[in-house]
C-alpha atoms as a PDB file:
ATOM      1  CA  MET A   1      78.080 200.950  32.289  1.00  0.00           C
ATOM      2  CA  LYS A   2      75.237 199.648  34.432  1.00  0.00           C
ATOM      3  CA  LYS A   3      76.759 198.784  38.285  1.00  0.00           C
ATOM      4  CA  LEU A   4      75.222 196.002  40.078  1.00  0.00           C
ATOM      5  CA  THR A   5      76.008 197.607  43.789  1.00  0.00           C
ATOM      6  CA  SER A   6      73.205 196.743  45.837  1.00  0.00           C
ATOM      7  CA  ARG A   7      70.409 194.315  46.663  1.00  0.00           C
ATOM      8  CA  GLU A   8      67.827 196.218  44.498  1.00  0.00           C
ATOM      9  CA  ASP A   9      70.472 195.925  41.312  1.00  0.00           C
ATOM     10  CA  THR A  10      70.620 192.368  41.372  1.00  0.00           C
ATOM     11  CA  SER A  11      67.043 191.148  42.287  1.00  0.00           C
ATOM     12  CA  ASP A  12      66.284 190.823  38.988  1.00  0.00           C
ATOM     13  CA  ILE A  13      69.224 188.513  38.121  1.00  0.00           C
ATOM     14  CA  LEU A  14      68.633 186.380  41.604  1.00  0.00           C
ATOM     15  CA  SER A  15      65.015 186.195  41.265  1.00  0.00           C
ATOM     16  CA  ASN A  16      65.443 183.627  38.577  1.00  0.00           C
ATOM     17  CA  LYS A  17      67.899 181.079  40.702  1.00  0.00           C
ATOM     18  CA  GLY A  18      65.057 179.033  42.230  1.00  0.00           C
ATOM     19  CA  LYS A  19      64.117 177.553  38.756  1.00  0.00           C
ATOM     20  CA  LEU A  20      67.528 176.331  38.236  1.00  0.00           C
ATOM     21  CA  LEU A  21      67.719 174.264  41.385  1.00  0.00           C
ATOM     22  CA  PRO A  22      65.949 171.066  40.489  1.00  0.00           C
ATOM     23  CA  ASP A  23      68.233 170.730  37.417  1.00  0.00           C
ATOM     24  CA  LEU A  24      71.734 171.748  39.254  1.00  0.00           C
ATOM     25  CA  GLU A  25      70.659 169.371  42.135  1.00  0.00           C
ATOM     26  CA  ALA A  26      70.510 166.543  39.484  1.00  0.00           C
ATOM     27  CA  LEU A  27      73.733 167.856  38.205  1.00  0.00           C
ATOM     28  CA  TYR A  28      75.629 168.132  41.549  1.00  0.00           C
ATOM     29  CA  LYS A  29      74.445 164.054  42.161  1.00  0.00           C
ATOM     30  CA  ASP A  30      75.520 163.173  38.934  1.00  0.00           C
ATOM     31  CA  ILE A  31      79.098 164.660  39.458  1.00  0.00           C
ATOM     32  CA  HIS A  32      79.133 163.438  42.535  1.00  0.00           C
ATOM     33  CA  ALA A  33      78.247 159.809  41.297  1.00  0.00           C
ATOM     34  CA  HIS A  34      81.204 160.069  38.688  1.00  0.00           C
ATOM     35  CA  PRO A  35      84.512 161.607  40.498  1.00  0.00           C
ATOM     36  CA  GLU A  36      87.692 162.032  38.634  1.00  0.00           C
ATOM     37  CA  LEU A  37      91.332 162.240  39.531  1.00  0.00           C
ATOM     38  CA  SER A  38      93.200 165.091  39.241  1.00  0.00           C
ATOM     39  CA  MET A  39      94.053 166.164  35.243  1.00  0.00           C
ATOM     40  CA  GLN A  40      91.818 162.961  34.490  1.00  0.00           C
ATOM     41  CA  GLU A  41      88.480 165.210  34.848  1.00  0.00           C
ATOM     42  CA  THR A  42      87.403 164.418  30.945  1.00  0.00           C
ATOM     43  CA  ARG A  43      83.769 163.671  31.936  1.00  0.00           C
ATOM     44  CA  THR A  44      83.286 166.597  34.321  1.00  0.00           C
ATOM     45  CA  ALA A  45      84.818 168.895  31.496  1.00  0.00           C
ATOM     46  CA  GLY A  46      82.772 167.500  28.898  1.00  0.00           C
ATOM     47  CA  ILE A  47      79.589 168.392  30.907  1.00  0.00           C
ATOM     48  CA  ALA A  48      80.727 171.977  31.752  1.00  0.00           C
ATOM     49  CA  ALA A  49      81.653 172.826  28.106  1.00  0.00           C
ATOM     50  CA  ASP A  50      78.398 171.344  27.179  1.00  0.00           C
ATOM     51  CA  ARG A  51      76.364 173.777  29.766  1.00  0.00           C
ATOM     52  CA  LEU A  52      78.414 176.585  28.508  1.00  0.00           C
ATOM     53  CA  ASN A  53      77.563 175.791  25.066  1.00  0.00           C
ATOM     54  CA  ASP A  54      73.928 175.521  25.772  1.00  0.00           C
ATOM     55  CA  ALA A  55      74.117 178.871  27.614  1.00  0.00           C
ATOM     56  CA  GLY A  56      75.228 180.711  24.701  1.00  0.00           C
ATOM     57  CA  TYR A  57      79.230 181.048  25.572  1.00  0.00           C
ATOM     58  CA  GLU A  58      82.204 181.001  23.659  1.00  0.00           C
ATOM     59  CA  VAL A  59      83.883 177.711  24.847  1.00  0.00           C
ATOM     60  CA  THR A  60      87.558 176.546  24.679  1.00  0.00           C
ATOM     61  CA  ALA A  61      88.087 173.205  26.209  1.00  0.00           C
ATOM     62  CA  GLY A  62      91.205 171.182  26.505  1.00  0.00           C
ATOM     63  CA  VAL A  63      92.988 174.394  28.741  1.00  0.00           C
ATOM     64  CA  GLY A  64      96.086 173.184  30.599  1.00  0.00           C
ATOM     65  CA  LYS A  65      94.879 169.493  29.473  1.00  0.00           C
ATOM     66  CA  THR A  66      91.024 169.453  30.768  1.00  0.00           C
ATOM     67  CA  GLY A  67      90.008 172.747  31.929  1.00  0.00           C
ATOM     68  CA  VAL A  68      87.323 174.293  30.215  1.00  0.00           C
ATOM     69  CA  VAL A  69      86.979 178.440  29.608  1.00  0.00           C
ATOM     70  CA  GLY A  70      83.719 179.909  28.760  1.00  0.00           C
ATOM     71  CA  LEU A  71      83.313 183.890  27.721  1.00  0.00           C
ATOM     72  CA  LEU A  72      79.901 185.824  27.470  1.00  0.00           C
ATOM     73  CA  ARG A  73      80.851 189.230  26.192  1.00  0.00           C
ATOM     74  CA  ASN A  74      77.713 191.072  27.157  1.00  0.00           C
ATOM     75  CA  GLY A  75      78.672 195.004  26.154  1.00  0.00           C
ATOM     76  CA  LYS A  76      81.441 197.318  27.733  1.00  0.00           C
ATOM     77  CA  GLY A  77      82.619 196.894  31.278  1.00  0.00           C
ATOM     78  CA  PRO A  78      85.422 194.848  33.153  1.00  0.00           C
ATOM     79  CA  THR A  79      85.909 191.150  32.824  1.00  0.00           C
ATOM     80  CA  VAL A  80      84.763 189.054  35.628  1.00  0.00           C
ATOM     81  CA  MET A  81      86.274 185.727  36.086  1.00  0.00           C
ATOM     82  CA  LEU A  82      84.340 182.769  37.982  1.00  0.00           C
ATOM     83  CA  ARG A  83      86.435 179.399  38.990  1.00  0.00           C
ATOM     84  CA  ALA A  84      85.657 176.475  40.118  1.00  0.00           C
ATOM     85  CA  ASP A  85      87.946 173.347  40.416  1.00  0.00           C
ATOM     86  CA  MET A  86      86.907 169.788  39.182  1.00  0.00           C
ATOM     87  CA  ASP A  87      89.168 167.180  40.649  1.00  0.00           C
ATOM     88  CA  ALA A  88      88.105 164.541  43.373  1.00  0.00           C
ATOM     89  CA  LEU A  89      90.206 162.735  45.803  1.00  0.00           C
ATOM     90  CA  PRO A  90      91.580 158.928  46.100  1.00  0.00           C
ATOM     91  CA  ILE A  91      89.718 158.255  48.933  1.00  0.00           C
ATOM     92  CA  ALA A  92      86.603 155.710  49.133  1.00  0.00           C
ATOM     93  CA  GLU A  93      83.073 156.992  49.912  1.00  0.00           C
ATOM     94  CA  ASN A  94      80.805 155.334  52.679  1.00  0.00           C
ATOM     95  CA  THR A  95      77.900 157.803  53.081  1.00  0.00           C
ATOM     96  CA  GLY A  96      75.734 155.345  51.773  1.00  0.00           C
ATOM     97  CA  LEU A  97      73.864 157.849  49.776  1.00  0.00           C
ATOM     98  CA  ALA A  98      72.100 156.748  46.596  1.00  0.00           C
ATOM     99  CA  TYR A  99      74.368 158.768  44.451  1.00  0.00           C
ATOM    100  CA  SER A 100      77.447 157.816  46.344  1.00  0.00           C
ATOM    101  CA  SER A 101      80.634 157.184  44.294  1.00  0.00           C
ATOM    102  CA  LYS A 102      81.605 153.320  43.628  1.00  0.00           C
ATOM    103  CA  VAL A 103      84.091 154.612  41.159  1.00  0.00           C
ATOM    104  CA  THR A 104      87.922 153.188  40.935  1.00  0.00           C
ATOM    105  CA  ALA A 105      90.424 154.639  38.661  1.00  0.00           C
ATOM    106  CA  THR A 106      94.442 154.520  38.055  1.00  0.00           C
ATOM    107  CA  ASP A 107      96.538 157.083  39.743  1.00  0.00           C
ATOM    108  CA  PRO A 108      99.630 158.379  38.691  1.00  0.00           C
ATOM    109  CA  GLU A 109     101.583 155.956  40.015  1.00  0.00           C
ATOM    110  CA  GLY A 110      99.919 153.391  38.154  1.00  0.00           C
ATOM    111  CA  LYS A 111      97.822 152.152  41.240  1.00  0.00           C
ATOM    112  CA  THR A 112      93.814 151.239  41.172  1.00  0.00           C
ATOM    113  CA  VAL A 113      92.275 153.630  43.884  1.00  0.00           C
ATOM    114  CA  PRO A 114      88.941 154.488  44.829  1.00  0.00           C
ATOM    115  CA  VAL A 115      87.836 158.086  44.141  1.00  0.00           C
ATOM    116  CA  GLY A 116      85.405 160.138  46.031  1.00  0.00           C
ATOM    117  CA  HIS A 117      84.353 163.917  45.894  1.00  0.00           C
ATOM    118  CA  MET A 118      85.071 164.555  49.758  1.00  0.00           C
ATOM    119  CA  CYS A 119      86.014 168.400  49.188  1.00  0.00           C
ATOM    120  CA  GLY A 120      83.135 169.479  47.394  1.00  0.00           C
ATOM    121  CA  HIS A 121      84.135 170.198  43.863  1.00  0.00           C
ATOM    122  CA  ASP A 122      80.823 168.854  42.970  1.00  0.00           C
ATOM    123  CA  MET A 123      79.054 171.404  44.465  1.00  0.00           C
ATOM    124  CA  HIS A 124      82.136 173.897  43.203  1.00  0.00           C
ATOM    125  CA  VAL A 125      81.091 172.716  39.778  1.00  0.00           C
ATOM    126  CA  ALA A 126      77.268 172.903  39.878  1.00  0.00           C
ATOM    127  CA  TRP A 127      77.634 176.181  41.437  1.00  0.00           C
ATOM    128  CA  LEU A 128      79.570 177.620  38.431  1.00  0.00           C
ATOM    129  CA  VAL A 129      76.897 175.679  36.104  1.00  0.00           C
ATOM    130  CA  GLY A 130      73.965 177.810  37.717  1.00  0.00           C
ATOM    131  CA  ALA A 131      75.758 181.062  38.107  1.00  0.00           C
ATOM    132  CA  ALA A 132      77.052 180.851  34.176  1.00  0.00           C
ATOM    133  CA  THR A 133      73.253 179.918  33.259  1.00  0.00           C
ATOM    134  CA  LEU A 134      71.604 182.644  35.520  1.00  0.00           C
ATOM    135  CA  PHE A 135      73.622 185.440  34.082  1.00  0.00           C
ATOM    136  CA  SER A 136      73.028 184.076  30.503  1.00  0.00           C
ATOM    137  CA  LYS A 137      69.362 184.055  31.262  1.00  0.00           C
ATOM    138  CA  THR A 138      69.533 187.635  32.429  1.00  0.00           C
ATOM    139  CA  ARG A 139      71.725 189.650  29.952  1.00  0.00           C
ATOM    140  CA  LYS A 140      69.414 192.402  29.871  1.00  0.00           C
ATOM    141  CA  ASP A 141      70.407 193.461  33.639  1.00  0.00           C
ATOM    142  CA  TRP A 142      73.784 193.936  33.369  1.00  0.00           C
ATOM    143  CA  LYS A 143      76.915 194.842  31.237  1.00  0.00           C
ATOM    144  CA  ARG A 144      80.463 193.146  31.100  1.00  0.00           C
ATOM    145  CA  THR A 145      82.376 189.836  30.110  1.00  0.00           C
ATOM    146  CA  LEU A 146      81.607 187.015  32.359  1.00  0.00           C
ATOM    147  CA  MET A 147      84.636 184.270  32.116  1.00  0.00           C
ATOM    148  CA  ALA A 148      83.878 180.718  33.718  1.00  0.00           C
ATOM    149  CA  VAL A 149      86.880 178.622  34.155  1.00  0.00           C
ATOM    150  CA  PHE A 150      86.619 175.173  35.360  1.00  0.00           C
ATOM    151  CA  GLN A 151      89.963 174.201  36.526  1.00  0.00           C
ATOM    152  CA  PRO A 152      91.602 170.676  36.869  1.00  0.00           C
ATOM    153  CA  GLY A 153      94.266 169.421  39.130  1.00  0.00           C
ATOM    154  CA  GLU A 154      93.382 171.506  42.340  1.00  0.00           C
ATOM    155  CA  GLU A 155      94.099 168.532  44.548  1.00  0.00           C
ATOM    156  CA  THR A 156      97.758 168.118  43.286  1.00  0.00           C
ATOM    157  CA  ALA A 157      98.239 171.769  42.646  1.00  0.00           C
ATOM    158  CA  GLN A 158      98.713 171.105  39.192  1.00  0.00           C
ATOM    159  CA  GLY A 159      95.775 172.587  37.343  1.00  0.00           C
ATOM    160  CA  ALA A 160      96.344 176.192  37.454  1.00  0.00           C
ATOM    161  CA  GLN A 161      99.521 176.124  36.345  1.00  0.00           C
ATOM    162  CA  ALA A 162      98.754 173.813  33.296  1.00  0.00           C
ATOM    163  CA  MET A 163      95.887 176.517  32.409  1.00  0.00           C
ATOM    164  CA  ILE A 164      98.464 179.502  32.585  1.00  0.00           C
ATOM    165  CA  ASP A 165     101.220 177.301  31.103  1.00  0.00           C
ATOM    166  CA  ASP A 166      98.644 176.918  28.179  1.00  0.00           C
ATOM    167  CA  GLY A 167      97.948 180.577  27.602  1.00  0.00           C
ATOM    168  CA  LEU A 168      95.097 181.023  29.675  1.00  0.00           C
ATOM    169  CA  LEU A 169      96.078 184.630  30.309  1.00  0.00           C
ATOM    170  CA  GLU A 170      97.399 185.467  26.778  1.00  0.00           C
ATOM    171  CA  ARG A 171      94.439 183.376  24.866  1.00  0.00           C
ATOM    172  CA  PHE A 172      91.451 185.108  26.712  1.00  0.00           C
ATOM    173  CA  PRO A 173      90.653 188.918  28.316  1.00  0.00           C
ATOM    174  CA  THR A 174      92.577 189.615  31.411  1.00  0.00           C
ATOM    175  CA  PRO A 175      90.254 189.266  34.127  1.00  0.00           C
ATOM    176  CA  ASP A 176      89.536 192.666  36.342  1.00  0.00           C
ATOM    177  CA  VAL A 177      88.525 190.334  39.247  1.00  0.00           C
ATOM    178  CA  VAL A 178      88.349 186.701  39.935  1.00  0.00           C
ATOM    179  CA  LEU A 179      86.158 184.993  42.116  1.00  0.00           C
ATOM    180  CA  GLY A 180      86.226 181.432  43.712  1.00  0.00           C
ATOM    181  CA  GLN A 181      84.101 179.662  46.442  1.00  0.00           C
ATOM    182  CA  TYR A 182      84.326 176.910  48.641  1.00  0.00           C
ATOM    183  CA  VAL A 183      81.823 175.147  50.250  1.00  0.00           C
ATOM    184  CA  MET A 184      82.183 174.611  54.364  1.00  0.00           C
ATOM    185  CA  VAL A 185      80.036 174.184  57.394  1.00  0.00           C
ATOM    186  CA  GLY A 186      78.367 177.173  58.213  1.00  0.00           C
ATOM    187  CA  PRO A 187      74.939 178.894  58.511  1.00  0.00           C
ATOM    188  CA  SER A 188      72.698 178.192  55.641  1.00  0.00           C
ATOM    189  CA  GLY A 189      72.339 181.222  52.847  1.00  0.00           C
ATOM    190  CA  THR A 190      75.385 183.096  53.996  1.00  0.00           C
ATOM    191  CA  VAL A 191      78.943 183.594  52.573  1.00  0.00           C
ATOM    192  CA  ALA A 192      82.312 184.016  54.859  1.00  0.00           C
ATOM    193  CA  GLY A 193      85.309 185.869  53.856  1.00  0.00           C
ATOM    194  CA  SER A 194      88.791 186.744  54.471  1.00  0.00           C
ATOM    195  CA  ALA A 195      91.536 189.134  54.129  1.00  0.00           C
ATOM    196  CA  GLY A 196      94.390 187.852  52.692  1.00  0.00           C
ATOM    197  CA  PRO A 197      95.376 184.510  51.860  1.00  0.00           C
ATOM    198  CA  ILE A 198      93.309 181.536  53.110  1.00  0.00           C
ATOM    199  CA  THR A 199      93.768 177.593  52.189  1.00  0.00           C
ATOM    200  CA  SER A 200      97.212 178.551  49.992  1.00  0.00           C
ATOM    201  CA  ALA A 201      98.712 175.171  50.128  1.00  0.00           C
ATOM    202  CA  ALA A 202      98.474 171.687  49.379  1.00  0.00           C
ATOM    203  CA  ASP A 203     100.498 168.787  50.491  1.00  0.00           C
ATOM    204  CA  LYS A 204     100.125 164.678  50.654  1.00  0.00           C
ATOM    205  CA  LYS A 205     101.480 162.319  52.478  1.00  0.00           C
ATOM    206  CA  LYS A 206     102.180 158.431  51.955  1.00  0.00           C
END
């Protein structure tokens, strides 16, 4: 099995990322302009499924209601799961951006609320689409199974459990490692990490 352990090992894969950026920027803006509440992410999930299909993945939609799982089997080796959340928040956007959200939706209590991507999940979806596409285009440079998971309902702490209850860990290969990401303020081009749990709670107030 070919192991990716150094900058040199990954250079051929990462050298292709620049070609994807214009498309991913357009995808990000589209998702940002069309946010969906937790467990209502049908449009976003459809986009994710279509992109995975186009990249040659085995795609299963509707996992835990609106979750999407894509598998790219590329020889023997560990299974690596990459995960992104898809849902937006019931918050009005007042950024004035050309692609700002003007969406409203009905929340679980039957109220009409504004909806906006105020927690970066639009970026998370675009990132995972980009990573999934990049690994598909560079299959000759690596060997293992890649599992792309687009998770609903992160903001309400429903989606992960819904996917597990729908057989995420039984219907698909057991991942050897699970990687997620979170957009935050920091120096461009850097990645931050921490040992142990971080941002591991969800709550809401009326």
